[in-house]
């Protein structure tokens, strides 16, 4: 099953975008649910986004240095289900 990793709401409605700082894992690597997966930065803070499921990081849709919007898909985790 494919599980999307999306940019969450970031501190209220006034923050609508962030920059991808770095990925803790590369495509093809195994991740466990709850582990830090990617760090994003706003003008005011850094946020770690955790893996929503265990599996293989199958896709990275936003690379380091790219600007992303709330709700945008950052990547996809393939689970065994």
PDB file of N, CA and C in Angstrom:
ATOM      1  N   UNK A   1       0.851  -1.176   0.000  1.00  0.00           N
ATOM      2  CA  UNK A   1       0.000   0.000   0.000  1.00  0.00           C
ATOM      3  C   UNK A   1       0.900   1.243   0.000  1.00  0.00           C
ATOM      4  N   UNK A   2       0.474   2.262  -0.704  1.00  0.00           N
ATOM      5  CA  UNK A   2       1.211   3.525  -0.775  1.00  0.00           C
ATOM      6  C   UNK A   2       0.673   4.488   0.285  1.00  0.00           C
ATOM      7  N   UNK A   3       1.577   5.030   1.089  1.00  0.00           N
ATOM      8  CA  UNK A   3       1.212   6.000   2.121  1.00  0.00           C
ATOM      9  C   UNK A   3       1.932   7.301   1.795  1.00  0.00           C
ATOM     10  N   UNK A   4       1.165   8.370   1.587  1.00  0.00           N
ATOM     11  CA  UNK A   4       1.751   9.667   1.249  1.00  0.00           C
ATOM     12  C   UNK A   4       2.244  10.391   2.497  1.00  0.00           C
ATOM     13  N   UNK A   5       3.372  11.046   2.355  1.00  0.00           N
ATOM     14  CA  UNK A   5       3.932  11.895   3.401  1.00  0.00           C
ATOM     15  C   UNK A   5       3.672  13.329   2.955  1.00  0.00           C
ATOM     16  N   UNK A   6       2.815  14.038   3.698  1.00  0.00           N
ATOM     17  CA  UNK A   6       2.413  15.392   3.300  1.00  0.00           C
ATOM     18  C   UNK A   6       2.937  16.442   4.271  1.00  0.00           C
ATOM     19  N   UNK A   7       3.040  17.669   3.779  1.00  0.00           N
ATOM     20  CA  UNK A   7       3.403  18.801   4.622  1.00  0.00           C
ATOM     21  C   UNK A   7       2.212  19.099   5.529  1.00  0.00           C
ATOM     22  N   UNK A   8       2.400  19.036   6.855  1.00  0.00           N
ATOM     23  CA  UNK A   8       1.293  19.299   7.780  1.00  0.00           C
ATOM     24  C   UNK A   8       1.034  20.800   7.938  1.00  0.00           C
ATOM     25  N   UNK A   9      -0.044  21.122   8.640  1.00  0.00           N
ATOM     26  CA  UNK A   9      -0.284  22.510   9.033  1.00  0.00           C
ATOM     27  C   UNK A   9       0.899  22.950   9.891  1.00  0.00           C
ATOM     28  N   UNK A  10       1.391  24.144   9.648  1.00  0.00           N
ATOM     29  CA  UNK A  10       2.618  24.607  10.301  1.00  0.00           C
ATOM     30  C   UNK A  10       2.373  25.850  11.143  1.00  0.00           C
ATOM     31  N   UNK A  11       1.851  25.667  12.326  1.00  0.00           N
ATOM     32  CA  UNK A  11       1.729  26.775  13.256  1.00  0.00           C
ATOM     33  C   UNK A  11       0.668  27.796  12.906  1.00  0.00           C
ATOM     34  N   UNK A  12      -0.422  27.363  12.334  1.00  0.00           N
ATOM     35  CA  UNK A  12      -1.518  28.278  12.060  1.00  0.00           C
ATOM     36  C   UNK A  12      -1.679  28.591  10.596  1.00  0.00           C
ATOM     37  N   UNK A  13      -2.723  29.332  10.291  1.00  0.00           N
ATOM     38  CA  UNK A  13      -3.078  29.595   8.899  1.00  0.00           C
ATOM     39  C   UNK A  13      -2.164  30.604   8.210  1.00  0.00           C
ATOM     40  N   UNK A  14      -1.350  31.335   8.979  1.00  0.00           N
ATOM     41  CA  UNK A  14      -0.477  32.330   8.357  1.00  0.00           C
ATOM     42  C   UNK A  14       0.777  31.710   7.724  1.00  0.00           C
ATOM     43  N   UNK A  15       1.106  30.470   8.070  1.00  0.00           N
ATOM     44  CA  UNK A  15       2.263  29.784   7.487  1.00  0.00           C
ATOM     45  C   UNK A  15       1.750  28.811   6.423  1.00  0.00           C
ATOM     46  N   UNK A  16       2.062  29.102   5.168  1.00  0.00           N
ATOM     47  CA  UNK A  16       1.527  28.292   4.076  1.00  0.00           C
ATOM     48  C   UNK A  16       2.591  27.526   3.304  1.00  0.00           C
ATOM     49  N   UNK A  17       3.875  27.836   3.545  1.00  0.00           N
ATOM     50  CA  UNK A  17       4.931  27.123   2.829  1.00  0.00           C
ATOM     51  C   UNK A  17       6.183  27.030   3.680  1.00  0.00           C
ATOM     52  N   UNK A  18       7.067  26.123   3.261  1.00  0.00           N
ATOM     53  CA  UNK A  18       8.326  25.889   3.969  1.00  0.00           C
ATOM     54  C   UNK A  18       9.352  25.387   2.961  1.00  0.00           C
ATOM     55  N   UNK A  19      10.598  25.312   3.389  1.00  0.00           N
ATOM     56  CA  UNK A  19      11.665  24.780   2.548  1.00  0.00           C
ATOM     57  C   UNK A  19      12.100  23.423   3.094  1.00  0.00           C
ATOM     58  N   UNK A  20      12.343  22.476   2.207  1.00  0.00           N
ATOM     59  CA  UNK A  20      12.865  21.177   2.620  1.00  0.00           C
ATOM     60  C   UNK A  20      14.327  21.374   3.003  1.00  0.00           C
ATOM     61  N   UNK A  21      14.662  21.079   4.254  1.00  0.00           N
ATOM     62  CA  UNK A  21      16.026  21.228   4.733  1.00  0.00           C
ATOM     63  C   UNK A  21      16.848  19.987   4.368  1.00  0.00           C
ATOM     64  N   UNK A  22      16.408  18.830   4.846  1.00  0.00           N
ATOM     65  CA  UNK A  22      17.081  17.583   4.470  1.00  0.00           C
ATOM     66  C   UNK A  22      16.220  16.376   4.781  1.00  0.00           C
ATOM     67  N   UNK A  23      16.515  15.296   4.076  1.00  0.00           N
ATOM     68  CA  UNK A  23      15.870  14.001   4.291  1.00  0.00           C
ATOM     69  C   UNK A  23      16.800  13.151   5.156  1.00  0.00           C
ATOM     70  N   UNK A  24      16.226  12.480   6.129  1.00  0.00           N
ATOM     71  CA  UNK A  24      17.001  11.575   6.968  1.00  0.00           C
ATOM     72  C   UNK A  24      17.266  10.252   6.252  1.00  0.00           C
ATOM     73  N   UNK A  25      16.454   9.924   5.260  1.00  0.00           N
ATOM     74  CA  UNK A  25      16.572   8.671   4.509  1.00  0.00           C
ATOM     75  C   UNK A  25      16.584   8.969   3.014  1.00  0.00           C
ATOM     76  N   UNK A  26      17.163   8.052   2.259  1.00  0.00           N
ATOM     77  CA  UNK A  26      17.165   8.130   0.799  1.00  0.00           C
ATOM     78  C   UNK A  26      16.104   7.200   0.239  1.00  0.00           C
ATOM     79  N   UNK A  27      15.706   7.438  -1.009  1.00  0.00           N
ATOM     80  CA  UNK A  27      14.782   6.522  -1.675  1.00  0.00           C
ATOM     81  C   UNK A  27      15.341   5.108  -1.613  1.00  0.00           C
ATOM     82  N   UNK A  28      14.443   4.162  -1.351  1.00  0.00           N
ATOM     83  CA  UNK A  28      14.829   2.758  -1.297  1.00  0.00           C
ATOM     84  C   UNK A  28      15.187   2.259   0.083  1.00  0.00           C
ATOM     85  N   UNK A  29      15.353   3.177   1.040  1.00  0.00           N
ATOM     86  CA  UNK A  29      15.693   2.760   2.398  1.00  0.00           C
ATOM     87  C   UNK A  29      14.434   2.439   3.196  1.00  0.00           C
ATOM     88  N   UNK A  30      14.600   1.538   4.163  1.00  0.00           N
ATOM     89  CA  UNK A  30      13.512   1.153   5.059  1.00  0.00           C
ATOM     90  C   UNK A  30      13.365   2.197   6.166  1.00  0.00           C
ATOM     91  N   UNK A  31      12.116   2.518   6.502  1.00  0.00           N
ATOM     92  CA  UNK A  31      11.827   3.453   7.592  1.00  0.00           C
ATOM     93  C   UNK A  31      10.810   2.813   8.528  1.00  0.00           C
ATOM     94  N   UNK A  32      10.843   3.217   9.783  1.00  0.00           N
ATOM     95  CA  UNK A  32       9.873   2.744  10.764  1.00  0.00           C
ATOM     96  C   UNK A  32       8.906   3.865  11.103  1.00  0.00           C
ATOM     97  N   UNK A  33       7.664   3.500  11.307  1.00  0.00           N
ATOM     98  CA  UNK A  33       6.638   4.481  11.674  1.00  0.00           C
ATOM     99  C   UNK A  33       7.099   5.279  12.893  1.00  0.00           C
ATOM    100  N   UNK A  34       6.957   6.595  12.813  1.00  0.00           N
ATOM    101  CA  UNK A  34       7.304   7.479  13.918  1.00  0.00           C
ATOM    102  C   UNK A  34       8.714   8.033  13.872  1.00  0.00           C
ATOM    103  N   UNK A  35       9.587   7.452  13.035  1.00  0.00           N
ATOM    104  CA  UNK A  35      10.943   7.978  12.912  1.00  0.00           C
ATOM    105  C   UNK A  35      10.932   9.291  12.140  1.00  0.00           C
ATOM    106  N   UNK A  36      11.856  10.192  12.494  1.00  0.00           N
ATOM    107  CA  UNK A  36      12.002  11.426  11.730  1.00  0.00           C
ATOM    108  C   UNK A  36      12.370  11.066  10.298  1.00  0.00           C
ATOM    109  N   UNK A  37      11.647  11.652   9.346  1.00  0.00           N
ATOM    110  CA  UNK A  37      11.835  11.325   7.935  1.00  0.00           C
ATOM    111  C   UNK A  37      12.438  12.487   7.156  1.00  0.00           C
ATOM    112  N   UNK A  38      11.902  13.701   7.417  1.00  0.00           N
ATOM    113  CA  UNK A  38      12.354  14.877   6.676  1.00  0.00           C
ATOM    114  C   UNK A  38      12.215  16.101   7.573  1.00  0.00           C
ATOM    115  N   UNK A  39      13.138  17.047   7.417  1.00  0.00           N
ATOM    116  CA  UNK A  39      13.071  18.308   8.152  1.00  0.00           C
ATOM    117  C   UNK A  39      12.706  19.412   7.178  1.00  0.00           C
ATOM    118  N   UNK A  40      11.750  20.247   7.588  1.00  0.00           N
ATOM    119  CA  UNK A  40      11.383  21.415   6.789  1.00  0.00           C
ATOM    120  C   UNK A  40      11.540  22.665   7.640  1.00  0.00           C
ATOM    121  N   UNK A  41      11.812  23.783   6.968  1.00  0.00           N
ATOM    122  CA  UNK A  41      12.061  25.051   7.653  1.00  0.00           C
ATOM    123  C   UNK A  41      11.086  26.116   7.189  1.00  0.00           C
ATOM    124  N   UNK A  42      10.546  26.864   8.157  1.00  0.00           N
ATOM    125  CA  UNK A  42       9.776  28.066   7.844  1.00  0.00           C
ATOM    126  C   UNK A  42      10.638  29.255   8.245  1.00  0.00           C
ATOM    127  N   UNK A  43      10.093  30.450   8.104  1.00  0.00           N
ATOM    128  CA  UNK A  43      10.828  31.645   8.536  1.00  0.00           C
ATOM    129  C   UNK A  43      11.079  31.646  10.038  1.00  0.00           C
ATOM    130  N   UNK A  44      10.231  30.911  10.784  1.00  0.00           N
ATOM    131  CA  UNK A  44      10.292  30.990  12.235  1.00  0.00           C
ATOM    132  C   UNK A  44      10.779  29.731  12.937  1.00  0.00           C
ATOM    133  N   UNK A  45      10.699  28.561  12.291  1.00  0.00           N
ATOM    134  CA  UNK A  45      11.020  27.326  13.013  1.00  0.00           C
ATOM    135  C   UNK A  45      11.374  26.184  12.058  1.00  0.00           C
ATOM    136  N   UNK A  46      11.983  25.157  12.640  1.00  0.00           N
ATOM    137  CA  UNK A  46      12.260  23.913  11.922  1.00  0.00           C
ATOM    138  C   UNK A  46      11.277  22.859  12.409  1.00  0.00           C
ATOM    139  N   UNK A  47      10.781  22.034  11.505  1.00  0.00           N
ATOM    140  CA  UNK A  47       9.829  20.977  11.831  1.00  0.00           C
ATOM    141  C   UNK A  47      10.350  19.653  11.296  1.00  0.00           C
ATOM    142  N   UNK A  48      10.307  18.615  12.133  1.00  0.00           N
ATOM    143  CA  UNK A  48      10.603  17.265  11.684  1.00  0.00           C
ATOM    144  C   UNK A  48       9.279  16.574  11.378  1.00  0.00           C
ATOM    145  N   UNK A  49       9.197  15.979  10.208  1.00  0.00           N
ATOM    146  CA  UNK A  49       8.013  15.217   9.832  1.00  0.00           C
ATOM    147  C   UNK A  49       8.357  13.751   9.988  1.00  0.00           C
ATOM    148  N   UNK A  50       7.541  13.043  10.760  1.00  0.00           N
ATOM    149  CA  UNK A  50       7.769  11.631  11.042  1.00  0.00           C
ATOM    150  C   UNK A  50       7.133  10.757   9.980  1.00  0.00           C
ATOM    151  N   UNK A  51       7.679   9.556   9.831  1.00  0.00           N
ATOM    152  CA  UNK A  51       7.115   8.579   8.904  1.00  0.00           C
ATOM    153  C   UNK A  51       5.740   8.150   9.410  1.00  0.00           C
ATOM    154  N   UNK A  52       4.700   8.253   8.572  1.00  0.00           N
ATOM    155  CA  UNK A  52       3.358   7.871   9.000  1.00  0.00           C
ATOM    156  C   UNK A  52       3.133   6.363   8.996  1.00  0.00           C
ATOM    157  N   UNK A  53       4.086   5.591   8.450  1.00  0.00           N
ATOM    158  CA  UNK A  53       3.958   4.137   8.380  1.00  0.00           C
ATOM    159  C   UNK A  53       5.347   3.540   8.223  1.00  0.00           C
ATOM    160  N   UNK A  54       5.462   2.265   8.512  1.00  0.00           N
ATOM    161  CA  UNK A  54       6.716   1.542   8.291  1.00  0.00           C
ATOM    162  C   UNK A  54       6.727   0.983   6.875  1.00  0.00           C
ATOM    163  N   UNK A  55       7.893   0.989   6.252  1.00  0.00           N
ATOM    164  CA  UNK A  55       8.012   0.453   4.903  1.00  0.00           C
ATOM    165  C   UNK A  55       9.236   1.023   4.213  1.00  0.00           C
ATOM    166  N   UNK A  56       9.183   1.051   2.889  1.00  0.00           N
ATOM    167  CA  UNK A  56      10.280   1.550   2.069  1.00  0.00           C
ATOM    168  C   UNK A  56       9.951   2.941   1.555  1.00  0.00           C
ATOM    169  N   UNK A  57      10.887   3.868   1.699  1.00  0.00           N
ATOM    170  CA  UNK A  57      10.699   5.201   1.123  1.00  0.00           C
ATOM    171  C   UNK A  57      10.822   5.046  -0.392  1.00  0.00           C
ATOM    172  N   UNK A  58       9.696   4.983  -1.061  1.00  0.00           N
ATOM    173  CA  UNK A  58       9.652   4.674  -2.491  1.00  0.00           C
ATOM    174  C   UNK A  58       9.853   5.897  -3.375  1.00  0.00           C
ATOM    175  N   UNK A  59       9.413   7.064  -2.905  1.00  0.00           N
ATOM    176  CA  UNK A  59       9.512   8.285  -3.711  1.00  0.00           C
ATOM    177  C   UNK A  59       9.851   9.467  -2.825  1.00  0.00           C
ATOM    178  N   UNK A  60      10.713  10.337  -3.335  1.00  0.00           N
ATOM    179  CA  UNK A  60      10.958  11.647  -2.734  1.00  0.00           C
ATOM    180  C   UNK A  60      10.520  12.656  -3.785  1.00  0.00           C
ATOM    181  N   UNK A  61       9.429  13.356  -3.511  1.00  0.00           N
ATOM    182  CA  UNK A  61       8.837  14.273  -4.488  1.00  0.00           C
ATOM    183  C   UNK A  61       9.294  15.715  -4.331  1.00  0.00           C
ATOM    184  N   UNK A  62       9.977  16.027  -3.234  1.00  0.00           N
ATOM    185  CA  UNK A  62      10.474  17.380  -2.999  1.00  0.00           C
ATOM    186  C   UNK A  62      11.886  17.258  -2.436  1.00  0.00           C
ATOM    187  N   UNK A  63      12.852  17.722  -3.185  1.00  0.00           N
ATOM    188  CA  UNK A  63      14.240  17.603  -2.775  1.00  0.00           C
ATOM    189  C   UNK A  63      14.682  18.702  -1.835  1.00  0.00           C
ATOM    190  N   UNK A  64      15.860  18.521  -1.288  1.00  0.00           N
ATOM    191  CA  UNK A  64      16.437  19.501  -0.375  1.00  0.00           C
ATOM    192  C   UNK A  64      16.573  20.849  -1.072  1.00  0.00           C
ATOM    193  N   UNK A  65      16.141  21.903  -0.380  1.00  0.00           N
ATOM    194  CA  UNK A  65      16.196  23.251  -0.927  1.00  0.00           C
ATOM    195  C   UNK A  65      14.930  23.676  -1.645  1.00  0.00           C
ATOM    196  N   UNK A  66      14.012  22.749  -1.912  1.00  0.00           N
ATOM    197  CA  UNK A  66      12.767  23.095  -2.602  1.00  0.00           C
ATOM    198  C   UNK A  66      11.758  23.691  -1.630  1.00  0.00           C
ATOM    199  N   UNK A  67      10.945  24.607  -2.129  1.00  0.00           N
ATOM    200  CA  UNK A  67       9.855  25.193  -1.354  1.00  0.00           C
ATOM    201  C   UNK A  67       8.608  24.352  -1.562  1.00  0.00           C
ATOM    202  N   UNK A  68       7.930  24.032  -0.457  1.00  0.00           N
ATOM    203  CA  UNK A  68       6.730  23.204  -0.495  1.00  0.00           C
ATOM    204  C   UNK A  68       5.590  23.921   0.213  1.00  0.00           C
ATOM    205  N   UNK A  69       4.372  23.550  -0.146  1.00  0.00           N
ATOM    206  CA  UNK A  69       3.181  24.153   0.450  1.00  0.00           C
ATOM    207  C   UNK A  69       2.493  23.166   1.386  1.00  0.00           C
ATOM    208  N   UNK A  70       1.748  23.690   2.350  1.00  0.00           N
ATOM    209  CA  UNK A  70       0.977  22.851   3.260  1.00  0.00           C
ATOM    210  C   UNK A  70       0.064  21.946   2.437  1.00  0.00           C
ATOM    211  N   UNK A  71       0.080  20.659   2.762  1.00  0.00           N
ATOM    212  CA  UNK A  71      -0.742  19.678   2.061  1.00  0.00           C
ATOM    213  C   UNK A  71      -0.044  19.005   0.885  1.00  0.00           C
ATOM    214  N   UNK A  72       1.088  19.538   0.461  1.00  0.00           N
ATOM    215  CA  UNK A  72       1.822  18.968  -0.671  1.00  0.00           C
ATOM    216  C   UNK A  72       2.421  17.616  -0.278  1.00  0.00           C
ATOM    217  N   UNK A  73       2.476  16.682  -1.230  1.00  0.00           N
ATOM    218  CA  UNK A  73       3.070  15.375  -0.997  1.00  0.00           C
ATOM    219  C   UNK A  73       4.591  15.488  -1.114  1.00  0.00           C
ATOM    220  N   UNK A  74       5.279  15.180  -0.014  1.00  0.00           N
ATOM    221  CA  UNK A  74       6.740  15.212   0.016  1.00  0.00           C
ATOM    222  C   UNK A  74       7.339  13.914  -0.498  1.00  0.00           C
ATOM    223  N   UNK A  75       6.683  12.821  -0.206  1.00  0.00           N
ATOM    224  CA  UNK A  75       7.196  11.517  -0.589  1.00  0.00           C
ATOM    225  C   UNK A  75       6.151  10.448  -0.386  1.00  0.00           C
ATOM    226  N   UNK A  76       6.534   9.224  -0.723  1.00  0.00           N
ATOM    227  CA  UNK A  76       5.624   8.071  -0.607  1.00  0.00           C
ATOM    228  C   UNK A  76       6.367   6.917   0.036  1.00  0.00           C
ATOM    229  N   UNK A  77       5.709   6.269   1.003  1.00  0.00           N
ATOM    230  CA  UNK A  77       6.226   5.072   1.641  1.00  0.00           C
ATOM    231  C   UNK A  77       5.400   3.891   1.149  1.00  0.00           C
ATOM    232  N   UNK A  78       6.085   2.843   0.681  1.00  0.00           N
ATOM    233  CA  UNK A  78       5.422   1.601   0.280  1.00  0.00           C
ATOM    234  C   UNK A  78       5.440   0.655   1.485  1.00  0.00           C
ATOM    235  N   UNK A  79       4.246   0.226   1.902  1.00  0.00           N
ATOM    236  CA  UNK A  79       4.158  -0.726   3.011  1.00  0.00           C
ATOM    237  C   UNK A  79       3.878  -2.107   2.444  1.00  0.00           C
ATOM    238  N   UNK A  80       3.956  -3.116   3.284  1.00  0.00           N
ATOM    239  CA  UNK A  80       3.746  -4.489   2.843  1.00  0.00           C
ATOM    240  C   UNK A  80       2.274  -4.872   2.791  1.00  0.00           C
ATOM    241  N   UNK A  81       1.395  -4.051   3.279  1.00  0.00           N
ATOM    242  CA  UNK A  81      -0.045  -4.367   3.277  1.00  0.00           C
ATOM    243  C   UNK A  81      -0.641  -4.171   1.903  1.00  0.00           C
TER     244      UNK A  81
END
